[in-house]
Amino acid sequence: MEIKRFEGTGRMSRAVVHNQTVYLCGQTHGEKDADVKEQTKVCLEKVEALLEKYGSDKRHILSTTIYLKDIALFQDMNSVWDAWVEDGFEPARACVEAKMAREDILVELSVIAAVK
């Protein structure tokens, strides 16, 4: 089966499509003055744009892994997530605390979705 890799950086691809499934690289927004709510909002906007670009949408998300710099941010992140996700289209989801690649990153989302 063909594997299509998009927007490669030499280190990773922003999206990979295989077997009618879209895999996105981790989406972040590490602005110094952005709180976890703003960072989550921007991450979700980036997820939507990438899914649309590669033949999917948020209703086709199968699984999301959410990484938080501090699990104490869970409630604030969820307030944005819960407003974004549509009833009846909730993906499987995990949320864990993790050491981030940069100090300013509070949240990172990793998404797997079906092609429409």
PDB file of N, CA and C in Angstrom:
ATOM      1  N   MET A   1       0.834  -1.177   0.000  1.00  0.00           N
ATOM      2  CA  MET A   1       0.000   0.000   0.000  1.00  0.00           C
ATOM      3  C   MET A   1       0.880   1.243   0.000  1.00  0.00           C
ATOM      4  N   GLU A   2       0.401   2.236  -0.688  1.00  0.00           N
ATOM      5  CA  GLU A   2       1.161   3.475  -0.820  1.00  0.00           C
ATOM      6  C   GLU A   2       1.105   4.302   0.475  1.00  0.00           C
ATOM      7  N   ILE A   3       2.245   4.876   0.813  1.00  0.00           N
ATOM      8  CA  ILE A   3       2.338   5.815   1.926  1.00  0.00           C
ATOM      9  C   ILE A   3       2.681   7.175   1.327  1.00  0.00           C
ATOM     10  N   LYS A   4       1.855   8.178   1.615  1.00  0.00           N
ATOM     11  CA  LYS A   4       2.099   9.533   1.122  1.00  0.00           C
ATOM     12  C   LYS A   4       2.503  10.412   2.298  1.00  0.00           C
ATOM     13  N   ARG A   5       3.647  11.077   2.153  1.00  0.00           N
ATOM     14  CA  ARG A   5       4.162  11.958   3.199  1.00  0.00           C
ATOM     15  C   ARG A   5       4.117  13.395   2.683  1.00  0.00           C
ATOM     16  N   PHE A   6       3.635  14.300   3.520  1.00  0.00           N
ATOM     17  CA  PHE A   6       3.438  15.684   3.103  1.00  0.00           C
ATOM     18  C   PHE A   6       4.187  16.647   4.019  1.00  0.00           C
ATOM     19  N   GLU A   7       4.712  17.704   3.401  1.00  0.00           N
ATOM     20  CA  GLU A   7       5.363  18.787   4.126  1.00  0.00           C
ATOM     21  C   GLU A   7       6.508  18.287   5.005  1.00  0.00           C
ATOM     22  N   GLY A   8       7.373  17.478   4.409  1.00  0.00           N
ATOM     23  CA  GLY A   8       8.527  16.962   5.135  1.00  0.00           C
ATOM     24  C   GLY A   8       9.522  18.057   5.468  1.00  0.00           C
ATOM     25  N   THR A   9      10.136  17.947   6.621  1.00  0.00           N
ATOM     26  CA  THR A   9      11.099  18.943   7.075  1.00  0.00           C
ATOM     27  C   THR A   9      12.519  18.404   7.140  1.00  0.00           C
ATOM     28  N   GLY A  10      12.714  17.149   6.770  1.00  0.00           N
ATOM     29  CA  GLY A  10      14.003  16.505   6.964  1.00  0.00           C
ATOM     30  C   GLY A  10      14.049  15.759   8.285  1.00  0.00           C
ATOM     31  N   ARG A  11      13.148  16.115   9.177  1.00  0.00           N
ATOM     32  CA  ARG A  11      13.036  15.451  10.472  1.00  0.00           C
ATOM     33  C   ARG A  11      11.708  14.707  10.596  1.00  0.00           C
ATOM     34  N   MET A  12      10.664  15.296  10.024  1.00  0.00           N
ATOM     35  CA  MET A  12       9.329  14.708  10.136  1.00  0.00           C
ATOM     36  C   MET A  12       8.454  15.229   9.001  1.00  0.00           C
ATOM     37  N   SER A  13       7.304  14.608   8.854  1.00  0.00           N
ATOM     38  CA  SER A  13       6.275  15.080   7.931  1.00  0.00           C
ATOM     39  C   SER A  13       5.156  15.687   8.750  1.00  0.00           C
ATOM     40  N   ARG A  14       4.540  16.744   8.230  1.00  0.00           N
ATOM     41  CA  ARG A  14       3.404  17.342   8.951  1.00  0.00           C
ATOM     42  C   ARG A  14       2.183  16.441   8.888  1.00  0.00           C
ATOM     43  N   ALA A  15       2.090  15.647   7.797  1.00  0.00           N
ATOM     44  CA  ALA A  15       0.977  14.706   7.653  1.00  0.00           C
ATOM     45  C   ALA A  15       1.451  13.507   6.846  1.00  0.00           C
ATOM     46  N   VAL A  16       0.922  12.340   7.195  1.00  0.00           N
ATOM     47  CA  VAL A  16       1.173  11.110   6.454  1.00  0.00           C
ATOM     48  C   VAL A  16      -0.189  10.458   6.215  1.00  0.00           C
ATOM     49  N   VAL A  17      -0.425  10.015   4.968  1.00  0.00           N
ATOM     50  CA  VAL A  17      -1.667   9.334   4.634  1.00  0.00           C
ATOM     51  C   VAL A  17      -1.331   7.917   4.188  1.00  0.00           C
ATOM     52  N   HIS A  18      -1.988   6.966   4.830  1.00  0.00           N
ATOM     53  CA  HIS A  18      -1.793   5.546   4.511  1.00  0.00           C
ATOM     54  C   HIS A  18      -3.095   4.804   4.783  1.00  0.00           C
ATOM     55  N   ASN A  19      -3.502   3.991   3.836  1.00  0.00           N
ATOM     56  CA  ASN A  19      -4.665   3.117   4.021  1.00  0.00           C
ATOM     57  C   ASN A  19      -5.899   3.908   4.485  1.00  0.00           C
ATOM     58  N   GLN A  20      -6.148   5.054   3.831  1.00  0.00           N
ATOM     59  CA  GLN A  20      -7.319   5.901   4.110  1.00  0.00           C
ATOM     60  C   GLN A  20      -7.306   6.485   5.532  1.00  0.00           C
ATOM     61  N   THR A  21      -6.101   6.633   6.077  1.00  0.00           N
ATOM     62  CA  THR A  21      -5.929   7.207   7.413  1.00  0.00           C
ATOM     63  C   THR A  21      -4.924   8.344   7.341  1.00  0.00           C
ATOM     64  N   VAL A  22      -5.232   9.454   8.016  1.00  0.00           N
ATOM     65  CA  VAL A  22      -4.353  10.617   8.074  1.00  0.00           C
ATOM     66  C   VAL A  22      -3.725  10.685   9.465  1.00  0.00           C
ATOM     67  N   TYR A  23      -2.404  10.757   9.489  1.00  0.00           N
ATOM     68  CA  TYR A  23      -1.651  10.888  10.740  1.00  0.00           C
ATOM     69  C   TYR A  23      -1.019  12.278  10.738  1.00  0.00           C
ATOM     70  N   LEU A  24      -1.293  13.069  11.759  1.00  0.00           N
ATOM     71  CA  LEU A  24      -0.712  14.409  11.853  1.00  0.00           C
ATOM     72  C   LEU A  24       0.437  14.410  12.850  1.00  0.00           C
ATOM     73  N   CYS A  25       1.446  15.233  12.567  1.00  0.00           N
ATOM     74  CA  CYS A  25       2.492  15.444  13.562  1.00  0.00           C
ATOM     75  C   CYS A  25       1.884  16.221  14.727  1.00  0.00           C
ATOM     76  N   GLY A  26       2.578  16.273  15.835  1.00  0.00           N
ATOM     77  CA  GLY A  26       2.092  16.999  17.001  1.00  0.00           C
ATOM     78  C   GLY A  26       1.896  18.475  16.691  1.00  0.00           C
ATOM     79  N   GLN A  27       0.768  19.011  17.091  1.00  0.00           N
ATOM     80  CA  GLN A  27       0.440  20.415  16.853  1.00  0.00           C
ATOM     81  C   GLN A  27       0.613  21.201  18.144  1.00  0.00           C
ATOM     82  N   THR A  28       1.364  22.299  18.066  1.00  0.00           N
ATOM     83  CA  THR A  28       1.639  23.124  19.238  1.00  0.00           C
ATOM     84  C   THR A  28       1.448  24.598  18.898  1.00  0.00           C
ATOM     85  N   HIS A  29       1.461  25.409  19.937  1.00  0.00           N
ATOM     86  CA  HIS A  29       1.442  26.861  19.803  1.00  0.00           C
ATOM     87  C   HIS A  29       2.137  27.407  21.037  1.00  0.00           C
ATOM     88  N   GLY A  30       3.440  27.527  20.978  1.00  0.00           N
ATOM     89  CA  GLY A  30       4.217  27.895  22.141  1.00  0.00           C
ATOM     90  C   GLY A  30       4.536  29.371  22.232  1.00  0.00           C
ATOM     91  N   GLU A  31       3.531  30.208  22.234  1.00  0.00           N
ATOM     92  CA  GLU A  31       3.755  31.642  22.393  1.00  0.00           C
ATOM     93  C   GLU A  31       3.911  31.971  23.873  1.00  0.00           C
ATOM     94  N   LYS A  32       4.868  32.831  24.182  1.00  0.00           N
ATOM     95  CA  LYS A  32       5.192  33.136  25.574  1.00  0.00           C
ATOM     96  C   LYS A  32       4.006  33.639  26.382  1.00  0.00           C
ATOM     97  N   ASP A  33       3.159  34.451  25.787  1.00  0.00           N
ATOM     98  CA  ASP A  33       2.056  35.054  26.538  1.00  0.00           C
ATOM     99  C   ASP A  33       0.731  34.309  26.385  1.00  0.00           C
ATOM    100  N   ALA A  34       0.741  33.169  25.722  1.00  0.00           N
ATOM    101  CA  ALA A  34      -0.496  32.427  25.497  1.00  0.00           C
ATOM    102  C   ALA A  34      -0.715  31.408  26.621  1.00  0.00           C
ATOM    103  N   ASP A  35      -1.897  31.457  27.223  1.00  0.00           N
ATOM    104  CA  ASP A  35      -2.221  30.467  28.254  1.00  0.00           C
ATOM    105  C   ASP A  35      -2.666  29.171  27.580  1.00  0.00           C
ATOM    106  N   VAL A  36      -2.961  28.156  28.376  1.00  0.00           N
ATOM    107  CA  VAL A  36      -3.299  26.852  27.809  1.00  0.00           C
ATOM    108  C   VAL A  36      -4.596  26.909  26.988  1.00  0.00           C
ATOM    109  N   LYS A  37      -5.519  27.762  27.364  1.00  0.00           N
ATOM    110  CA  LYS A  37      -6.751  27.874  26.571  1.00  0.00           C
ATOM    111  C   LYS A  37      -6.451  28.403  25.170  1.00  0.00           C
ATOM    112  N   GLU A  38      -5.665  29.460  25.081  1.00  0.00           N
ATOM    113  CA  GLU A  38      -5.299  30.019  23.783  1.00  0.00           C
ATOM    114  C   GLU A  38      -4.473  29.020  22.983  1.00  0.00           C
ATOM    115  N   GLN A  39      -3.521  28.360  23.630  1.00  0.00           N
ATOM    116  CA  GLN A  39      -2.698  27.377  22.922  1.00  0.00           C
ATOM    117  C   GLN A  39      -3.549  26.224  22.404  1.00  0.00           C
ATOM    118  N   THR A  40      -4.497  25.755  23.199  1.00  0.00           N
ATOM    119  CA  THR A  40      -5.380  24.668  22.757  1.00  0.00           C
ATOM    120  C   THR A  40      -6.215  25.113  21.569  1.00  0.00           C
ATOM    121  N   LYS A  41      -6.757  26.312  21.627  1.00  0.00           N
ATOM    122  CA  LYS A  41      -7.559  26.847  20.519  1.00  0.00           C
ATOM    123  C   LYS A  41      -6.747  26.879  19.225  1.00  0.00           C
ATOM    124  N   VAL A  42      -5.533  27.378  19.290  1.00  0.00           N
ATOM    125  CA  VAL A  42      -4.676  27.451  18.100  1.00  0.00           C
ATOM    126  C   VAL A  42      -4.320  26.051  17.609  1.00  0.00           C
ATOM    127  N   CYS A  43      -4.005  25.137  18.508  1.00  0.00           N
ATOM    128  CA  CYS A  43      -3.707  23.757  18.109  1.00  0.00           C
ATOM    129  C   CYS A  43      -4.881  23.134  17.361  1.00  0.00           C
ATOM    130  N   LEU A  44      -6.081  23.335  17.862  1.00  0.00           N
ATOM    131  CA  LEU A  44      -7.268  22.767  17.216  1.00  0.00           C
ATOM    132  C   LEU A  44      -7.515  23.404  15.850  1.00  0.00           C
ATOM    133  N   GLU A  45      -7.260  24.688  15.721  1.00  0.00           N
ATOM    134  CA  GLU A  45      -7.372  25.341  14.409  1.00  0.00           C
ATOM    135  C   GLU A  45      -6.366  24.734  13.435  1.00  0.00           C
ATOM    136  N   LYS A  46      -5.151  24.491  13.888  1.00  0.00           N
ATOM    137  CA  LYS A  46      -4.129  23.888  13.030  1.00  0.00           C
ATOM    138  C   LYS A  46      -4.511  22.461  12.641  1.00  0.00           C
ATOM    139  N   VAL A  47      -5.063  21.705  13.581  1.00  0.00           N
ATOM    140  CA  VAL A  47      -5.530  20.348  13.290  1.00  0.00           C
ATOM    141  C   VAL A  47      -6.602  20.398  12.203  1.00  0.00           C
ATOM    142  N   GLU A  48      -7.583  21.265  12.361  1.00  0.00           N
ATOM    143  CA  GLU A  48      -8.660  21.369  11.367  1.00  0.00           C
ATOM    144  C   GLU A  48      -8.120  21.714   9.984  1.00  0.00           C
ATOM    145  N   ALA A  49      -7.195  22.658   9.918  1.00  0.00           N
ATOM    146  CA  ALA A  49      -6.634  23.075   8.624  1.00  0.00           C
ATOM    147  C   ALA A  49      -5.869  21.929   7.969  1.00  0.00           C
ATOM    148  N   LEU A  50      -5.067  21.218   8.721  1.00  0.00           N
ATOM    149  CA  LEU A  50      -4.303  20.102   8.148  1.00  0.00           C
ATOM    150  C   LEU A  50      -5.222  18.963   7.714  1.00  0.00           C
ATOM    151  N   LEU A  51      -6.214  18.646   8.526  1.00  0.00           N
ATOM    152  CA  LEU A  51      -7.138  17.578   8.142  1.00  0.00           C
ATOM    153  C   LEU A  51      -7.863  17.933   6.850  1.00  0.00           C
ATOM    154  N   GLU A  52      -8.335  19.153   6.744  1.00  0.00           N
ATOM    155  CA  GLU A  52      -9.022  19.591   5.529  1.00  0.00           C
ATOM    156  C   GLU A  52      -8.100  19.499   4.315  1.00  0.00           C
ATOM    157  N   LYS A  53      -6.865  19.920   4.502  1.00  0.00           N
ATOM    158  CA  LYS A  53      -5.892  19.914   3.414  1.00  0.00           C
ATOM    159  C   LYS A  53      -5.613  18.505   2.897  1.00  0.00           C
ATOM    160  N   TYR A  54      -5.694  17.514   3.783  1.00  0.00           N
ATOM    161  CA  TYR A  54      -5.334  16.148   3.399  1.00  0.00           C
ATOM    162  C   TYR A  54      -6.516  15.182   3.406  1.00  0.00           C
ATOM    163  N   GLY A  55      -7.729  15.722   3.225  1.00  0.00           N
ATOM    164  CA  GLY A  55      -8.884  14.894   2.910  1.00  0.00           C
ATOM    165  C   GLY A  55      -9.704  14.397   4.079  1.00  0.00           C
ATOM    166  N   SER A  56      -9.655  15.091   5.200  1.00  0.00           N
ATOM    167  CA  SER A  56     -10.429  14.658   6.355  1.00  0.00           C
ATOM    168  C   SER A  56     -11.047  15.880   7.031  1.00  0.00           C
ATOM    169  N   ASP A  57     -11.608  15.686   8.208  1.00  0.00           N
ATOM    170  CA  ASP A  57     -12.119  16.786   9.021  1.00  0.00           C
ATOM    171  C   ASP A  57     -12.271  16.294  10.455  1.00  0.00           C
ATOM    172  N   LYS A  58     -12.695  17.195  11.345  1.00  0.00           N
ATOM    173  CA  LYS A  58     -12.731  16.828  12.760  1.00  0.00           C
ATOM    174  C   LYS A  58     -13.776  15.759  13.072  1.00  0.00           C
ATOM    175  N   ARG A  59     -14.778  15.605  12.242  1.00  0.00           N
ATOM    176  CA  ARG A  59     -15.765  14.542  12.444  1.00  0.00           C
ATOM    177  C   ARG A  59     -15.191  13.154  12.143  1.00  0.00           C
ATOM    178  N   HIS A  60     -14.038  13.117  11.486  1.00  0.00           N
ATOM    179  CA  HIS A  60     -13.408  11.844  11.128  1.00  0.00           C
ATOM    180  C   HIS A  60     -12.195  11.512  11.988  1.00  0.00           C
ATOM    181  N   ILE A  61     -11.978  12.286  13.052  1.00  0.00           N
ATOM    182  CA  ILE A  61     -10.860  11.981  13.947  1.00  0.00           C
ATOM    183  C   ILE A  61     -11.158  10.683  14.682  1.00  0.00           C
ATOM    184  N   LEU A  62     -10.201   9.777  14.624  1.00  0.00           N
ATOM    185  CA  LEU A  62     -10.326   8.486  15.289  1.00  0.00           C
ATOM    186  C   LEU A  62      -9.750   8.527  16.697  1.00  0.00           C
ATOM    187  N   SER A  63      -8.600   9.187  16.825  1.00  0.00           N
ATOM    188  CA  SER A  63      -7.879   9.182  18.094  1.00  0.00           C
ATOM    189  C   SER A  63      -7.083  10.469  18.251  1.00  0.00           C
ATOM    190  N   THR A  64      -7.045  10.979  19.474  1.00  0.00           N
ATOM    191  CA  THR A  64      -6.239  12.147  19.796  1.00  0.00           C
ATOM    192  C   THR A  64      -5.480  11.868  21.090  1.00  0.00           C
ATOM    193  N   THR A  65      -4.196  12.158  21.073  1.00  0.00           N
ATOM    194  CA  THR A  65      -3.398  12.127  22.295  1.00  0.00           C
ATOM    195  C   THR A  65      -3.034  13.564  22.624  1.00  0.00           C
ATOM    196  N   ILE A  66      -3.331  13.964  23.840  1.00  0.00           N
ATOM    197  CA  ILE A  66      -3.067  15.325  24.294  1.00  0.00           C
ATOM    198  C   ILE A  66      -1.973  15.269  25.351  1.00  0.00           C
ATOM    199  N   TYR A  67      -0.934  16.060  25.124  1.00  0.00           N
ATOM    200  CA  TYR A  67       0.171  16.159  26.068  1.00  0.00           C
ATOM    201  C   TYR A  67       0.079  17.519  26.746  1.00  0.00           C
ATOM    202  N   LEU A  68       0.095  17.528  28.076  1.00  0.00           N
ATOM    203  CA  LEU A  68       0.064  18.764  28.845  1.00  0.00           C
ATOM    204  C   LEU A  68       1.355  18.925  29.625  1.00  0.00           C
ATOM    205  N   LYS A  69       1.867  20.126  29.652  1.00  0.00           N
ATOM    206  CA  LYS A  69       3.073  20.408  30.426  1.00  0.00           C
ATOM    207  C   LYS A  69       2.840  20.138  31.910  1.00  0.00           C
ATOM    208  N   ASP A  70       1.636  20.445  32.365  1.00  0.00           N
ATOM    209  CA  ASP A  70       1.268  20.256  33.769  1.00  0.00           C
ATOM    210  C   ASP A  70      -0.177  19.768  33.790  1.00  0.00           C
ATOM    211  N   ILE A  71      -0.419  18.627  34.413  1.00  0.00           N
ATOM    212  CA  ILE A  71      -1.769  18.056  34.418  1.00  0.00           C
ATOM    213  C   ILE A  71      -2.757  18.979  35.133  1.00  0.00           C
ATOM    214  N   ALA A  72      -2.271  19.945  35.897  1.00  0.00           N
ATOM    215  CA  ALA A  72      -3.140  20.939  36.529  1.00  0.00           C
ATOM    216  C   ALA A  72      -3.856  21.801  35.484  1.00  0.00           C
ATOM    217  N   LEU A  73      -3.373  21.788  34.233  1.00  0.00           N
ATOM    218  CA  LEU A  73      -3.987  22.544  33.140  1.00  0.00           C
ATOM    219  C   LEU A  73      -5.150  21.784  32.492  1.00  0.00           C
ATOM    220  N   PHE A  74      -5.416  20.577  32.955  1.00  0.00           N
ATOM    221  CA  PHE A  74      -6.399  19.680  32.353  1.00  0.00           C
ATOM    222  C   PHE A  74      -7.778  20.334  32.207  1.00  0.00           C
ATOM    223  N   GLN A  75      -8.275  20.945  33.255  1.00  0.00           N
ATOM    224  CA  GLN A  75      -9.618  21.543  33.218  1.00  0.00           C
ATOM    225  C   GLN A  75      -9.702  22.687  32.208  1.00  0.00           C
ATOM    226  N   ASP A  76      -8.700  23.568  32.196  1.00  0.00           N
ATOM    227  CA  ASP A  76      -8.716  24.687  31.248  1.00  0.00           C
ATOM    228  C   ASP A  76      -8.617  24.197  29.808  1.00  0.00           C
ATOM    229  N   MET A  77      -7.755  23.210  29.545  1.00  0.00           N
ATOM    230  CA  MET A  77      -7.651  22.644  28.202  1.00  0.00           C
ATOM    231  C   MET A  77      -8.986  22.026  27.797  1.00  0.00           C
ATOM    232  N   ASN A  78      -9.593  21.271  28.712  1.00  0.00           N
ATOM    233  CA  ASN A  78     -10.870  20.617  28.412  1.00  0.00           C
ATOM    234  C   ASN A  78     -11.987  21.613  28.133  1.00  0.00           C
ATOM    235  N   SER A  79     -11.948  22.788  28.735  1.00  0.00           N
ATOM    236  CA  SER A  79     -13.003  23.765  28.472  1.00  0.00           C
ATOM    237  C   SER A  79     -12.997  24.177  27.001  1.00  0.00           C
ATOM    238  N   VAL A  80     -11.821  24.235  26.393  1.00  0.00           N
ATOM    239  CA  VAL A  80     -11.712  24.558  24.966  1.00  0.00           C
ATOM    240  C   VAL A  80     -12.049  23.330  24.127  1.00  0.00           C
ATOM    241  N   TRP A  81     -11.481  22.187  24.496  1.00  0.00           N
ATOM    242  CA  TRP A  81     -11.738  20.937  23.763  1.00  0.00           C
ATOM    243  C   TRP A  81     -13.241  20.640  23.722  1.00  0.00           C
ATOM    244  N   ASP A  82     -13.906  20.707  24.884  1.00  0.00           N
ATOM    245  CA  ASP A  82     -15.324  20.341  24.965  1.00  0.00           C
ATOM    246  C   ASP A  82     -16.204  21.240  24.099  1.00  0.00           C
ATOM    247  N   ALA A  83     -15.833  22.506  23.967  1.00  0.00           N
ATOM    248  CA  ALA A  83     -16.586  23.421  23.104  1.00  0.00           C
ATOM    249  C   ALA A  83     -16.328  23.136  21.626  1.00  0.00           C
ATOM    250  N   TRP A  84     -15.188  22.533  21.319  1.00  0.00           N
ATOM    251  CA  TRP A  84     -14.777  22.280  19.930  1.00  0.00           C
ATOM    252  C   TRP A  84     -15.309  20.954  19.398  1.00  0.00           C
ATOM    253  N   VAL A  85     -15.231  19.909  20.188  1.00  0.00           N
ATOM    254  CA  VAL A  85     -15.620  18.582  19.707  1.00  0.00           C
ATOM    255  C   VAL A  85     -17.143  18.519  19.576  1.00  0.00           C
ATOM    256  N   GLU A  86     -17.609  17.867  18.510  1.00  0.00           N
ATOM    257  CA  GLU A  86     -19.048  17.780  18.258  1.00  0.00           C
ATOM    258  C   GLU A  86     -19.637  16.535  18.907  1.00  0.00           C
ATOM    259  N   ASP A  87     -20.829  16.683  19.506  1.00  0.00           N
ATOM    260  CA  ASP A  87     -21.528  15.538  20.092  1.00  0.00           C
ATOM    261  C   ASP A  87     -21.725  14.464  19.029  1.00  0.00           C
ATOM    262  N   GLY A  88     -21.417  13.240  19.398  1.00  0.00           N
ATOM    263  CA  GLY A  88     -21.557  12.124  18.473  1.00  0.00           C
ATOM    264  C   GLY A  88     -20.333  11.880  17.627  1.00  0.00           C
ATOM    265  N   PHE A  89     -19.336  12.777  17.685  1.00  0.00           N
ATOM    266  CA  PHE A  89     -18.119  12.627  16.884  1.00  0.00           C
ATOM    267  C   PHE A  89     -16.863  12.681  17.767  1.00  0.00           C
ATOM    268  N   GLU A  90     -17.013  12.344  19.037  1.00  0.00           N
ATOM    269  CA  GLU A  90     -15.889  12.366  19.953  1.00  0.00           C
ATOM    270  C   GLU A  90     -14.920  11.230  19.606  1.00  0.00           C
ATOM    271  N   PRO A  91     -13.629  11.556  19.435  1.00  0.00           N
ATOM    272  CA  PRO A  91     -12.655  10.505  19.151  1.00  0.00           C
ATOM    273  C   PRO A  91     -12.236   9.774  20.427  1.00  0.00           C
ATOM    274  N   ALA A  92     -11.588   8.637  20.264  1.00  0.00           N
ATOM    275  CA  ALA A  92     -10.884   8.040  21.399  1.00  0.00           C
ATOM    276  C   ALA A  92      -9.823   9.059  21.806  1.00  0.00           C
ATOM    277  N   ARG A  93      -9.517   9.150  23.108  1.00  0.00           N
ATOM    278  CA  ARG A  93      -8.629  10.208  23.546  1.00  0.00           C
ATOM    279  C   ARG A  93      -7.840   9.792  24.772  1.00  0.00           C
ATOM    280  N   ALA A  94      -6.601  10.242  24.811  1.00  0.00           N
ATOM    281  CA  ALA A  94      -5.774  10.100  26.007  1.00  0.00           C
ATOM    282  C   ALA A  94      -5.168  11.460  26.301  1.00  0.00           C
ATOM    283  N   CYS A  95      -4.933  11.742  27.568  1.00  0.00           N
ATOM    284  CA  CYS A  95      -4.302  12.998  27.966  1.00  0.00           C
ATOM    285  C   CYS A  95      -3.285  12.678  29.049  1.00  0.00           C
ATOM    286  N   VAL A  96      -2.048  13.106  28.829  1.00  0.00           N
ATOM    287  CA  VAL A  96      -0.978  12.813  29.772  1.00  0.00           C
ATOM    288  C   VAL A  96      -0.147  14.062  30.043  1.00  0.00           C
ATOM    289  N   GLU A  97       0.495  14.091  31.184  1.00  0.00           N
ATOM    290  CA  GLU A  97       1.466  15.135  31.488  1.00  0.00           C
ATOM    291  C   GLU A  97       2.792  14.720  30.861  1.00  0.00           C
ATOM    292  N   ALA A  98       3.478  15.697  30.252  1.00  0.00           N
ATOM    293  CA  ALA A  98       4.731  15.387  29.558  1.00  0.00           C
ATOM    294  C   ALA A  98       5.686  16.572  29.610  1.00  0.00           C
ATOM    295  N   LYS A  99       6.956  16.257  29.586  1.00  0.00           N
ATOM    296  CA  LYS A  99       7.980  17.295  29.453  1.00  0.00           C
ATOM    297  C   LYS A  99       7.956  17.744  27.989  1.00  0.00           C
ATOM    298  N   MET A 100       7.837  19.034  27.756  1.00  0.00           N
ATOM    299  CA  MET A 100       7.694  19.564  26.406  1.00  0.00           C
ATOM    300  C   MET A 100       9.045  19.916  25.796  1.00  0.00           C
ATOM    301  N   ALA A 101       9.070  20.019  24.479  1.00  0.00           N
ATOM    302  CA  ALA A 101      10.311  20.307  23.746  1.00  0.00           C
ATOM    303  C   ALA A 101      10.812  21.729  24.001  1.00  0.00           C
ATOM    304  N   ARG A 102       9.885  22.652  24.255  1.00  0.00           N
ATOM    305  CA  ARG A 102      10.250  24.042  24.568  1.00  0.00           C
ATOM    306  C   ARG A 102       9.477  24.490  25.803  1.00  0.00           C
ATOM    307  N   GLU A 103      10.061  25.382  26.541  1.00  0.00           N
ATOM    308  CA  GLU A 103       9.479  25.867  27.804  1.00  0.00           C
ATOM    309  C   GLU A 103       8.102  26.495  27.614  1.00  0.00           C
ATOM    310  N   ASP A 104       7.869  27.188  26.501  1.00  0.00           N
ATOM    311  CA  ASP A 104       6.620  27.914  26.285  1.00  0.00           C
ATOM    312  C   ASP A 104       5.453  27.027  25.848  1.00  0.00           C
ATOM    313  N   ILE A 105       5.717  25.798  25.477  1.00  0.00           N
ATOM    314  CA  ILE A 105       4.648  24.898  25.023  1.00  0.00           C
ATOM    315  C   ILE A 105       3.928  24.321  26.236  1.00  0.00           C
ATOM    316  N   LEU A 106       2.628  24.553  26.296  1.00  0.00           N
ATOM    317  CA  LEU A 106       1.807  24.041  27.392  1.00  0.00           C
ATOM    318  C   LEU A 106       0.988  22.825  26.988  1.00  0.00           C
ATOM    319  N   VAL A 107       0.695  22.701  25.685  1.00  0.00           N
ATOM    320  CA  VAL A 107      -0.147  21.616  25.194  1.00  0.00           C
ATOM    321  C   VAL A 107       0.315  21.217  23.793  1.00  0.00           C
ATOM    322  N   GLU A 108       0.215  19.926  23.495  1.00  0.00           N
ATOM    323  CA  GLU A 108       0.500  19.400  22.157  1.00  0.00           C
ATOM    324  C   GLU A 108      -0.535  18.335  21.845  1.00  0.00           C
ATOM    325  N   LEU A 109      -1.050  18.358  20.613  1.00  0.00           N
ATOM    326  CA  LEU A 109      -2.063  17.389  20.188  1.00  0.00           C
ATOM    327  C   LEU A 109      -1.513  16.526  19.057  1.00  0.00           C
ATOM    328  N   SER A 110      -1.709  15.226  19.182  1.00  0.00           N
ATOM    329  CA  SER A 110      -1.354  14.271  18.134  1.00  0.00           C
ATOM    330  C   SER A 110      -2.641  13.606  17.666  1.00  0.00           C
ATOM    331  N   VAL A 111      -2.908  13.661  16.366  1.00  0.00           N
ATOM    332  CA  VAL A 111      -4.214  13.268  15.828  1.00  0.00           C
ATOM    333  C   VAL A 111      -4.083  12.224  14.729  1.00  0.00           C
ATOM    334  N   ILE A 112      -4.999  11.253  14.760  1.00  0.00           N
ATOM    335  CA  ILE A 112      -5.160  10.259  13.708  1.00  0.00           C
ATOM    336  C   ILE A 112      -6.606  10.336  13.249  1.00  0.00           C
ATOM    337  N   ALA A 113      -6.818  10.426  11.929  1.00  0.00           N
ATOM    338  CA  ALA A 113      -8.183  10.573  11.402  1.00  0.00           C
ATOM    339  C   ALA A 113      -8.371   9.721  10.154  1.00  0.00           C
ATOM    340  N   ALA A 114      -9.606   9.360   9.899  1.00  0.00           N
ATOM    341  CA  ALA A 114      -9.964   8.658   8.664  1.00  0.00           C
ATOM    342  C   ALA A 114     -10.125   9.677   7.549  1.00  0.00           C
ATOM    343  N   VAL A 115      -9.790   9.276   6.330  1.00  0.00           N
ATOM    344  CA  VAL A 115     -10.056  10.104   5.159  1.00  0.00           C
ATOM    345  C   VAL A 115     -11.563  10.112   4.943  1.00  0.00           C
ATOM    346  N   LYS A 116     -12.114  11.264   4.516  1.00  0.00           N
ATOM    347  CA  LYS A 116     -13.564  11.367   4.248  1.00  0.00           C
ATOM    348  C   LYS A 116     -13.920  10.525   3.037  1.00  0.00           C
TER     349      LYS A 116
END
